Amino acid sequence: MQINIQEQILELKKDISKKDIYIKELENKLSEEISVKKSEVMLNKDLKQRIEKMELHHETLIKINENYSNAIAELRLRLKSLIVDVR
């Protein structure tokens, strides 16, 4: 009877040891997941800022192109009127 109890105690200790190892593995995985999540959050923040900056550049380029297009159109009209006046 005493041997059986000792065997059970040993088995329980083995089970506890296995579960402790499993808990450590889970804690490590959790730590890795948290690190990855933090990294993703930082990356997303950076990407959002880059997108915002690119949108601002795009808007600025549209305004510049609009101004140049207007100026070119005006100059073309002047040129056409000069050519018509010369004929």
PDB file of N, CA and C in Angstrom:
ATOM      1  N   MET A   1       0.820  -1.190   0.000  1.00  0.00           N
ATOM      2  CA  MET A   1       0.000   0.000   0.000  1.00  0.00           C
ATOM      3  C   MET A   1       0.863   1.252   0.000  1.00  0.00           C
ATOM      4  N   GLN A   2       1.908   1.257   0.807  1.00  0.00           N
ATOM      5  CA  GLN A   2       2.833   2.381   0.910  1.00  0.00           C
ATOM      6  C   GLN A   2       3.517   2.636  -0.434  1.00  0.00           C
ATOM      7  N   ILE A   3       3.882   1.580  -1.136  1.00  0.00           N
ATOM      8  CA  ILE A   3       4.550   1.710  -2.438  1.00  0.00           C
ATOM      9  C   ILE A   3       3.588   2.330  -3.445  1.00  0.00           C
ATOM     10  N   ASN A   4       2.374   1.890  -3.393  1.00  0.00           N
ATOM     11  CA  ASN A   4       1.366   2.408  -4.318  1.00  0.00           C
ATOM     12  C   ASN A   4       1.162   3.914  -4.121  1.00  0.00           C
ATOM     13  N   ILE A   5       1.143   4.346  -2.893  1.00  0.00           N
ATOM     14  CA  ILE A   5       0.972   5.767  -2.590  1.00  0.00           C
ATOM     15  C   ILE A   5       2.186   6.548  -3.068  1.00  0.00           C
ATOM     16  N   GLN A   6       3.368   5.991  -2.853  1.00  0.00           N
ATOM     17  CA  GLN A   6       4.594   6.658  -3.305  1.00  0.00           C
ATOM     18  C   GLN A   6       4.635   6.743  -4.834  1.00  0.00           C
ATOM     19  N   GLU A   7       4.191   5.693  -5.471  1.00  0.00           N
ATOM     20  CA  GLU A   7       4.124   5.710  -6.943  1.00  0.00           C
ATOM     21  C   GLU A   7       3.147   6.781  -7.426  1.00  0.00           C
ATOM     22  N   GLN A   8       2.034   6.864  -6.743  1.00  0.00           N
ATOM     23  CA  GLN A   8       1.053   7.893  -7.103  1.00  0.00           C
ATOM     24  C   GLN A   8       1.624   9.293  -6.902  1.00  0.00           C
ATOM     25  N   ILE A   9       2.350   9.447  -5.796  1.00  0.00           N
ATOM     26  CA  ILE A   9       2.973  10.739  -5.526  1.00  0.00           C
ATOM     27  C   ILE A   9       3.984  11.072  -6.620  1.00  0.00           C
ATOM     28  N   LEU A  10       4.781  10.098  -7.024  1.00  0.00           N
ATOM     29  CA  LEU A  10       5.752  10.309  -8.100  1.00  0.00           C
ATOM     30  C   LEU A  10       5.052  10.661  -9.414  1.00  0.00           C
ATOM     31  N   GLU A  11       3.995   9.956  -9.693  1.00  0.00           N
ATOM     32  CA  GLU A  11       3.220  10.237 -10.919  1.00  0.00           C
ATOM     33  C   GLU A  11       2.638  11.642 -10.877  1.00  0.00           C
ATOM     34  N   LEU A  12       2.110  12.011  -9.731  1.00  0.00           N
ATOM     35  CA  LEU A  12       1.563  13.358  -9.585  1.00  0.00           C
ATOM     36  C   LEU A  12       2.655  14.424  -9.740  1.00  0.00           C
ATOM     37  N   LYS A  13       3.835  14.161  -9.187  1.00  0.00           N
ATOM     38  CA  LYS A  13       4.951  15.093  -9.327  1.00  0.00           C
ATOM     39  C   LYS A  13       5.360  15.212 -10.795  1.00  0.00           C
ATOM     40  N   LYS A  14       5.369  14.097 -11.503  1.00  0.00           N
ATOM     41  CA  LYS A  14       5.696  14.123 -12.930  1.00  0.00           C
ATOM     42  C   LYS A  14       4.658  14.944 -13.698  1.00  0.00           C
ATOM     43  N   ASP A  15       3.389  14.713 -13.353  1.00  0.00           N
ATOM     44  CA  ASP A  15       2.319  15.464 -14.003  1.00  0.00           C
ATOM     45  C   ASP A  15       2.466  16.970 -13.722  1.00  0.00           C
ATOM     46  N   ILE A  16       2.750  17.278 -12.475  1.00  0.00           N
ATOM     47  CA  ILE A  16       2.932  18.683 -12.097  1.00  0.00           C
ATOM     48  C   ILE A  16       4.118  19.273 -12.857  1.00  0.00           C
ATOM     49  N   SER A  17       5.190  18.524 -12.952  1.00  0.00           N
ATOM     50  CA  SER A  17       6.373  18.990 -13.664  1.00  0.00           C
ATOM     51  C   SER A  17       6.052  19.235 -15.143  1.00  0.00           C
ATOM     52  N   LYS A  18       5.326  18.314 -15.754  1.00  0.00           N
ATOM     53  CA  LYS A  18       4.928  18.476 -17.155  1.00  0.00           C
ATOM     54  C   LYS A  18       4.042  19.712 -17.319  1.00  0.00           C
ATOM     55  N   LYS A  19       3.138  19.885 -16.389  1.00  0.00           N
ATOM     56  CA  LYS A  19       2.240  21.035 -16.463  1.00  0.00           C
ATOM     57  C   LYS A  19       2.994  22.341 -16.215  1.00  0.00           C
ATOM     58  N   ASP A  20       3.971  22.305 -15.342  1.00  0.00           N
ATOM     59  CA  ASP A  20       4.801  23.491 -15.127  1.00  0.00           C
ATOM     60  C   ASP A  20       5.557  23.860 -16.406  1.00  0.00           C
ATOM     61  N   ILE A  21       6.077  22.844 -17.085  1.00  0.00           N
ATOM     62  CA  ILE A  21       6.780  23.073 -18.353  1.00  0.00           C
ATOM     63  C   ILE A  21       5.805  23.654 -19.378  1.00  0.00           C
ATOM     64  N   TYR A  22       4.627  23.087 -19.440  1.00  0.00           N
ATOM     65  CA  TYR A  22       3.614  23.574 -20.383  1.00  0.00           C
ATOM     66  C   TYR A  22       3.230  25.029 -20.071  1.00  0.00           C
ATOM     67  N   ILE A  23       3.098  25.335 -18.793  1.00  0.00           N
ATOM     68  CA  ILE A  23       2.770  26.705 -18.373  1.00  0.00           C
ATOM     69  C   ILE A  23       3.881  27.660 -18.799  1.00  0.00           C
ATOM     70  N   LYS A  24       5.131  27.253 -18.607  1.00  0.00           N
ATOM     71  CA  LYS A  24       6.260  28.096 -19.025  1.00  0.00           C
ATOM     72  C   LYS A  24       6.225  28.319 -20.538  1.00  0.00           C
ATOM     73  N   GLU A  25       5.943  27.270 -21.298  1.00  0.00           N
ATOM     74  CA  GLU A  25       5.848  27.398 -22.754  1.00  0.00           C
ATOM     75  C   GLU A  25       4.739  28.378 -23.138  1.00  0.00           C
ATOM     76  N   LEU A  26       3.609  28.253 -22.478  1.00  0.00           N
ATOM     77  CA  LEU A  26       2.500  29.167 -22.748  1.00  0.00           C
ATOM     78  C   LEU A  26       2.858  30.606 -22.381  1.00  0.00           C
ATOM     79  N   GLU A  27       3.537  30.773 -21.259  1.00  0.00           N
ATOM     80  CA  GLU A  27       3.956  32.118 -20.865  1.00  0.00           C
ATOM     81  C   GLU A  27       4.918  32.708 -21.893  1.00  0.00           C
ATOM     82  N   ASN A  28       5.835  31.876 -22.399  1.00  0.00           N
ATOM     83  CA  ASN A  28       6.772  32.337 -23.427  1.00  0.00           C
ATOM     84  C   ASN A  28       6.030  32.713 -24.712  1.00  0.00           C
ATOM     85  N   LYS A  29       5.080  31.883 -25.099  1.00  0.00           N
ATOM     86  CA  LYS A  29       4.287  32.184 -26.292  1.00  0.00           C
ATOM     87  C   LYS A  29       3.503  33.478 -26.114  1.00  0.00           C
ATOM     88  N   LEU A  30       2.934  33.652 -24.937  1.00  0.00           N
ATOM     89  CA  LEU A  30       2.188  34.874 -24.645  1.00  0.00           C
ATOM     90  C   LEU A  30       3.101  36.088 -24.723  1.00  0.00           C
ATOM     91  N   SER A  31       4.270  35.965 -24.152  1.00  0.00           N
ATOM     92  CA  SER A  31       5.239  37.058 -24.192  1.00  0.00           C
ATOM     93  C   SER A  31       5.610  37.392 -25.641  1.00  0.00           C
ATOM     94  N   GLU A  32       5.818  36.365 -26.447  1.00  0.00           N
ATOM     95  CA  GLU A  32       6.133  36.581 -27.864  1.00  0.00           C
ATOM     96  C   GLU A  32       4.966  37.256 -28.582  1.00  0.00           C
ATOM     97  N   GLU A  33       3.760  36.792 -28.308  1.00  0.00           N
ATOM     98  CA  GLU A  33       2.568  37.382 -28.939  1.00  0.00           C
ATOM     99  C   GLU A  33       2.411  38.849 -28.547  1.00  0.00           C
ATOM    100  N   ILE A  34       2.655  39.151 -27.297  1.00  0.00           N
ATOM    101  CA  ILE A  34       2.564  40.534 -26.834  1.00  0.00           C
ATOM    102  C   ILE A  34       3.610  41.393 -27.543  1.00  0.00           C
ATOM    103  N   SER A  35       4.819  40.867 -27.675  1.00  0.00           N
ATOM    104  CA  SER A  35       5.875  41.597 -28.371  1.00  0.00           C
ATOM    105  C   SER A  35       5.509  41.842 -29.829  1.00  0.00           C
ATOM    106  N   VAL A  36       4.973  40.814 -30.464  1.00  0.00           N
ATOM    107  CA  VAL A  36       4.565  40.951 -31.864  1.00  0.00           C
ATOM    108  C   VAL A  36       3.457  41.986 -31.980  1.00  0.00           C
ATOM    109  N   LYS A  37       2.501  41.938 -31.083  1.00  0.00           N
ATOM    110  CA  LYS A  37       1.389  42.891 -31.108  1.00  0.00           C
ATOM    111  C   LYS A  37       1.895  44.324 -30.946  1.00  0.00           C
ATOM    112  N   LYS A  38       2.796  44.532 -29.995  1.00  0.00           N
ATOM    113  CA  LYS A  38       3.356  45.871 -29.795  1.00  0.00           C
ATOM    114  C   LYS A  38       4.095  46.337 -31.044  1.00  0.00           C
ATOM    115  N   SER A  39       4.831  45.418 -31.648  1.00  0.00           N
ATOM    116  CA  SER A  39       5.560  45.748 -32.872  1.00  0.00           C
ATOM    117  C   SER A  39       4.592  46.106 -33.992  1.00  0.00           C
ATOM    118  N   GLU A  40       3.509  45.361 -34.113  1.00  0.00           N
ATOM    119  CA  GLU A  40       2.504  45.641 -35.140  1.00  0.00           C
ATOM    120  C   GLU A  40       1.840  46.996 -34.903  1.00  0.00           C
ATOM    121  N   VAL A  41       1.577  47.311 -33.658  1.00  0.00           N
ATOM    122  CA  VAL A  41       0.960  48.601 -33.331  1.00  0.00           C
ATOM    123  C   VAL A  41       1.896  49.738 -33.736  1.00  0.00           C
ATOM    124  N   MET A  42       3.174  49.588 -33.430  1.00  0.00           N
ATOM    125  CA  MET A  42       4.142  50.620 -33.791  1.00  0.00           C
ATOM    126  C   MET A  42       4.254  50.738 -35.312  1.00  0.00           C
ATOM    127  N   LEU A  43       4.276  49.604 -35.989  1.00  0.00           N
ATOM    128  CA  LEU A  43       4.364  49.606 -37.444  1.00  0.00           C
ATOM    129  C   LEU A  43       3.127  50.254 -38.055  1.00  0.00           C
ATOM    130  N   ASN A  44       1.959  49.935 -37.538  1.00  0.00           N
ATOM    131  CA  ASN A  44       0.717  50.537 -38.035  1.00  0.00           C
ATOM    132  C   ASN A  44       0.721  52.052 -37.828  1.00  0.00           C
ATOM    133  N   LYS A  45       1.209  52.478 -36.701  1.00  0.00           N
ATOM    134  CA  LYS A  45       1.285  53.921 -36.427  1.00  0.00           C
ATOM    135  C   LYS A  45       2.193  54.588 -37.458  1.00  0.00           C
ATOM    136  N   ASP A  46       3.339  53.969 -37.707  1.00  0.00           N
ATOM    137  CA  ASP A  46       4.274  54.510 -38.684  1.00  0.00           C
ATOM    138  C   ASP A  46       3.664  54.525 -40.083  1.00  0.00           C
ATOM    139  N   LEU A  47       2.993  53.447 -40.436  1.00  0.00           N
ATOM    140  CA  LEU A  47       2.377  53.382 -41.762  1.00  0.00           C
ATOM    141  C   LEU A  47       1.264  54.409 -41.924  1.00  0.00           C
ATOM    142  N   LYS A  48       0.470  54.606 -40.888  1.00  0.00           N
ATOM    143  CA  LYS A  48      -0.590  55.621 -40.951  1.00  0.00           C
ATOM    144  C   LYS A  48       0.003  57.006 -41.151  1.00  0.00           C
ATOM    145  N   GLN A  49       1.109  57.275 -40.473  1.00  0.00           N
ATOM    146  CA  GLN A  49       1.757  58.574 -40.612  1.00  0.00           C
ATOM    147  C   GLN A  49       2.305  58.733 -42.031  1.00  0.00           C
ATOM    148  N   ARG A  50       2.903  57.665 -42.568  1.00  0.00           N
ATOM    149  CA  ARG A  50       3.431  57.729 -43.935  1.00  0.00           C
ATOM    150  C   ARG A  50       2.307  57.919 -44.947  1.00  0.00           C
ATOM    151  N   ILE A  51       1.188  57.252 -44.735  1.00  0.00           N
ATOM    152  CA  ILE A  51       0.038  57.401 -45.638  1.00  0.00           C
ATOM    153  C   ILE A  51      -0.474  58.836 -45.593  1.00  0.00           C
ATOM    154  N   GLU A  52      -0.582  59.376 -44.390  1.00  0.00           N
ATOM    155  CA  GLU A  52      -1.056  60.758 -44.240  1.00  0.00           C
ATOM    156  C   GLU A  52      -0.116  61.721 -44.973  1.00  0.00           C
ATOM    157  N   LYS A  53       1.184  61.487 -44.823  1.00  0.00           N
ATOM    158  CA  LYS A  53       2.170  62.334 -45.486  1.00  0.00           C
ATOM    159  C   LYS A  53       2.053  62.203 -47.010  1.00  0.00           C
ATOM    160  N   MET A  54       1.867  60.981 -47.496  1.00  0.00           N
ATOM    161  CA  MET A  54       1.725  60.769 -48.935  1.00  0.00           C
ATOM    162  C   MET A  54       0.456  61.422 -49.469  1.00  0.00           C
ATOM    163  N   GLU A  55      -0.621  61.366 -48.708  1.00  0.00           N
ATOM    164  CA  GLU A  55      -1.860  62.030 -49.120  1.00  0.00           C
ATOM    165  C   GLU A  55      -1.657  63.540 -49.194  1.00  0.00           C
ATOM    166  N   LEU A  56      -0.926  64.079 -48.242  1.00  0.00           N
ATOM    167  CA  LEU A  56      -0.630  65.513 -48.253  1.00  0.00           C
ATOM    168  C   LEU A  56       0.211  65.870 -49.486  1.00  0.00           C
ATOM    169  N   HIS A  57       1.204  65.041 -49.784  1.00  0.00           N
ATOM    170  CA  HIS A  57       2.015  65.269 -50.986  1.00  0.00           C
ATOM    171  C   HIS A  57       1.138  65.223 -52.235  1.00  0.00           C
ATOM    172  N   HIS A  58       0.250  64.251 -52.273  1.00  0.00           N
ATOM    173  CA  HIS A  58      -0.639  64.094 -53.426  1.00  0.00           C
ATOM    174  C   HIS A  58      -1.512  65.334 -53.599  1.00  0.00           C
ATOM    175  N   GLU A  59      -2.103  65.796 -52.528  1.00  0.00           N
ATOM    176  CA  GLU A  59      -2.942  66.995 -52.579  1.00  0.00           C
ATOM    177  C   GLU A  59      -2.132  68.201 -53.048  1.00  0.00           C
ATOM    178  N   THR A  60      -0.914  68.319 -52.546  1.00  0.00           N
ATOM    179  CA  THR A  60      -0.058  69.440 -52.930  1.00  0.00           C
ATOM    180  C   THR A  60       0.293  69.371 -54.413  1.00  0.00           C
ATOM    181  N   LEU A  61       0.616  68.177 -54.884  1.00  0.00           N
ATOM    182  CA  LEU A  61       0.942  68.023 -56.306  1.00  0.00           C
ATOM    183  C   LEU A  61      -0.253  68.339 -57.193  1.00  0.00           C
ATOM    184  N   ILE A  62      -1.429  67.968 -56.756  1.00  0.00           N
ATOM    185  CA  ILE A  62      -2.635  68.292 -57.528  1.00  0.00           C
ATOM    186  C   ILE A  62      -2.787  69.808 -57.635  1.00  0.00           C
ATOM    187  N   LYS A  63      -2.586  70.517 -56.518  1.00  0.00           N
ATOM    188  CA  LYS A  63      -2.701  71.980 -56.532  1.00  0.00           C
ATOM    189  C   LYS A  63      -1.647  72.601 -57.448  1.00  0.00           C
ATOM    190  N   ILE A  64      -0.418  72.102 -57.367  1.00  0.00           N
ATOM    191  CA  ILE A  64       0.654  72.621 -58.225  1.00  0.00           C
ATOM    192  C   ILE A  64       0.319  72.364 -59.685  1.00  0.00           C
ATOM    193  N   ASN A  65      -0.110  71.151 -60.006  1.00  0.00           N
ATOM    194  CA  ASN A  65      -0.480  70.825 -61.387  1.00  0.00           C
ATOM    195  C   ASN A  65      -1.630  71.702 -61.873  1.00  0.00           C
ATOM    196  N   GLU A  66      -2.580  71.953 -61.011  1.00  0.00           N
ATOM    197  CA  GLU A  66      -3.721  72.802 -61.378  1.00  0.00           C
ATOM    198  C   GLU A  66      -3.241  74.219 -61.706  1.00  0.00           C
ATOM    199  N   ASN A  67      -2.350  74.730 -60.870  1.00  0.00           N
ATOM    200  CA  ASN A  67      -1.816  76.077 -61.119  1.00  0.00           C
ATOM    201  C   ASN A  67      -1.047  76.136 -62.436  1.00  0.00           C
ATOM    202  N   TYR A  68      -0.197  75.149 -62.664  1.00  0.00           N
ATOM    203  CA  TYR A  68       0.561  75.128 -63.917  1.00  0.00           C
ATOM    204  C   TYR A  68      -0.350  74.932 -65.120  1.00  0.00           C
ATOM    205  N   SER A  69      -1.346  74.084 -64.976  1.00  0.00           N
ATOM    206  CA  SER A  69      -2.289  73.874 -66.080  1.00  0.00           C
ATOM    207  C   SER A  69      -3.012  75.163 -66.429  1.00  0.00           C
ATOM    208  N   ASN A  70      -3.428  75.892 -65.410  1.00  0.00           N
ATOM    209  CA  ASN A  70      -4.093  77.175 -65.654  1.00  0.00           C
ATOM    210  C   ASN A  70      -3.150  78.157 -66.352  1.00  0.00           C
ATOM    211  N   ALA A  71      -1.928  78.208 -65.878  1.00  0.00           N
ATOM    212  CA  ALA A  71      -0.961  79.128 -66.480  1.00  0.00           C
ATOM    213  C   ALA A  71      -0.664  78.731 -67.926  1.00  0.00           C
ATOM    214  N   ILE A  72      -0.505  77.450 -68.176  1.00  0.00           N
ATOM    215  CA  ILE A  72      -0.225  76.967 -69.535  1.00  0.00           C
ATOM    216  C   ILE A  72      -1.418  77.241 -70.453  1.00  0.00           C
ATOM    217  N   ALA A  73      -2.608  76.997 -69.957  1.00  0.00           N
ATOM    218  CA  ALA A  73      -3.804  77.253 -70.762  1.00  0.00           C
ATOM    219  C   ALA A  73      -3.890  78.737 -71.124  1.00  0.00           C
ATOM    220  N   GLU A  74      -3.608  79.588 -70.175  1.00  0.00           N
ATOM    221  CA  GLU A  74      -3.642  81.028 -70.441  1.00  0.00           C
ATOM    222  C   GLU A  74      -2.585  81.414 -71.482  1.00  0.00           C
ATOM    223  N   LEU A  75      -1.386  80.869 -71.341  1.00  0.00           N
ATOM    224  CA  LEU A  75      -0.320  81.165 -72.300  1.00  0.00           C
ATOM    225  C   LEU A  75      -0.653  80.631 -73.697  1.00  0.00           C
ATOM    226  N   ARG A  76      -1.267  79.478 -73.774  1.00  0.00           N
ATOM    227  CA  ARG A  76      -1.683  78.928 -75.079  1.00  0.00           C
ATOM    228  C   ARG A  76      -2.696  79.838 -75.765  1.00  0.00           C
ATOM    229  N   LEU A  77      -3.654  80.295 -74.960  1.00  0.00           N
ATOM    230  CA  LEU A  77      -4.654  81.204 -75.528  1.00  0.00           C
ATOM    231  C   LEU A  77      -4.002  82.480 -76.048  1.00  0.00           C
ATOM    232  N   ARG A  78      -3.073  83.026 -75.288  1.00  0.00           N
ATOM    233  CA  ARG A  78      -2.356  84.228 -75.745  1.00  0.00           C
ATOM    234  C   ARG A  78      -1.596  83.950 -77.043  1.00  0.00           C
ATOM    235  N   LEU A  79      -0.906  82.778 -77.057  1.00  0.00           N
ATOM    236  CA  LEU A  79      -0.132  82.401 -78.232  1.00  0.00           C
ATOM    237  C   LEU A  79      -1.042  82.249 -79.448  1.00  0.00           C
ATOM    238  N   LYS A  80      -2.180  81.598 -79.260  1.00  0.00           N
ATOM    239  CA  LYS A  80      -3.127  81.425 -80.370  1.00  0.00           C
ATOM    240  C   LYS A  80      -3.638  82.780 -80.869  1.00  0.00           C
ATOM    241  N   SER A  81      -3.907  83.681 -79.934  1.00  0.00           N
ATOM    242  CA  SER A  81      -4.404  84.987 -80.362  1.00  0.00           C
ATOM    243  C   SER A  81      -3.305  85.774 -81.084  1.00  0.00           C
ATOM    244  N   LEU A  82      -2.064  85.601 -80.673  1.00  0.00           N
ATOM    245  CA  LEU A  82      -0.951  86.264 -81.357  1.00  0.00           C
ATOM    246  C   LEU A  82      -0.760  85.704 -82.759  1.00  0.00           C
ATOM    247  N   ILE A  83      -0.913  84.380 -82.871  1.00  0.00           N
ATOM    248  CA  ILE A  83      -0.759  83.745 -84.185  1.00  0.00           C
ATOM    249  C   ILE A  83      -1.887  84.211 -85.112  1.00  0.00           C
ATOM    250  N   VAL A  84      -3.093  84.311 -84.585  1.00  0.00           N
ATOM    251  CA  VAL A  84      -4.232  84.764 -85.393  1.00  0.00           C
ATOM    252  C   VAL A  84      -4.021  86.232 -85.803  1.00  0.00           C
ATOM    253  N   ASP A  85      -3.503  87.053 -84.885  1.00  0.00           N
ATOM    254  CA  ASP A  85      -3.257  88.454 -85.186  1.00  0.00           C
ATOM    255  C   ASP A  85      -2.180  88.619 -86.253  1.00  0.00           C
ATOM    256  N   VAL A  86      -1.202  87.756 -86.287  1.00  0.00           N
ATOM    257  CA  VAL A  86      -0.112  87.840 -87.236  1.00  0.00           C
ATOM    258  C   VAL A  86      -0.617  87.489 -88.636  1.00  0.00           C
ATOM    259  N   ARG A  87      -1.534  86.576 -88.757  1.00  0.00           N
ATOM    260  CA  ARG A  87      -2.051  86.159 -90.079  1.00  0.00           C
ATOM    261  C   ARG A  87      -2.876  87.209 -90.628  1.00  0.00           C
TER     262      ARG A  87
END
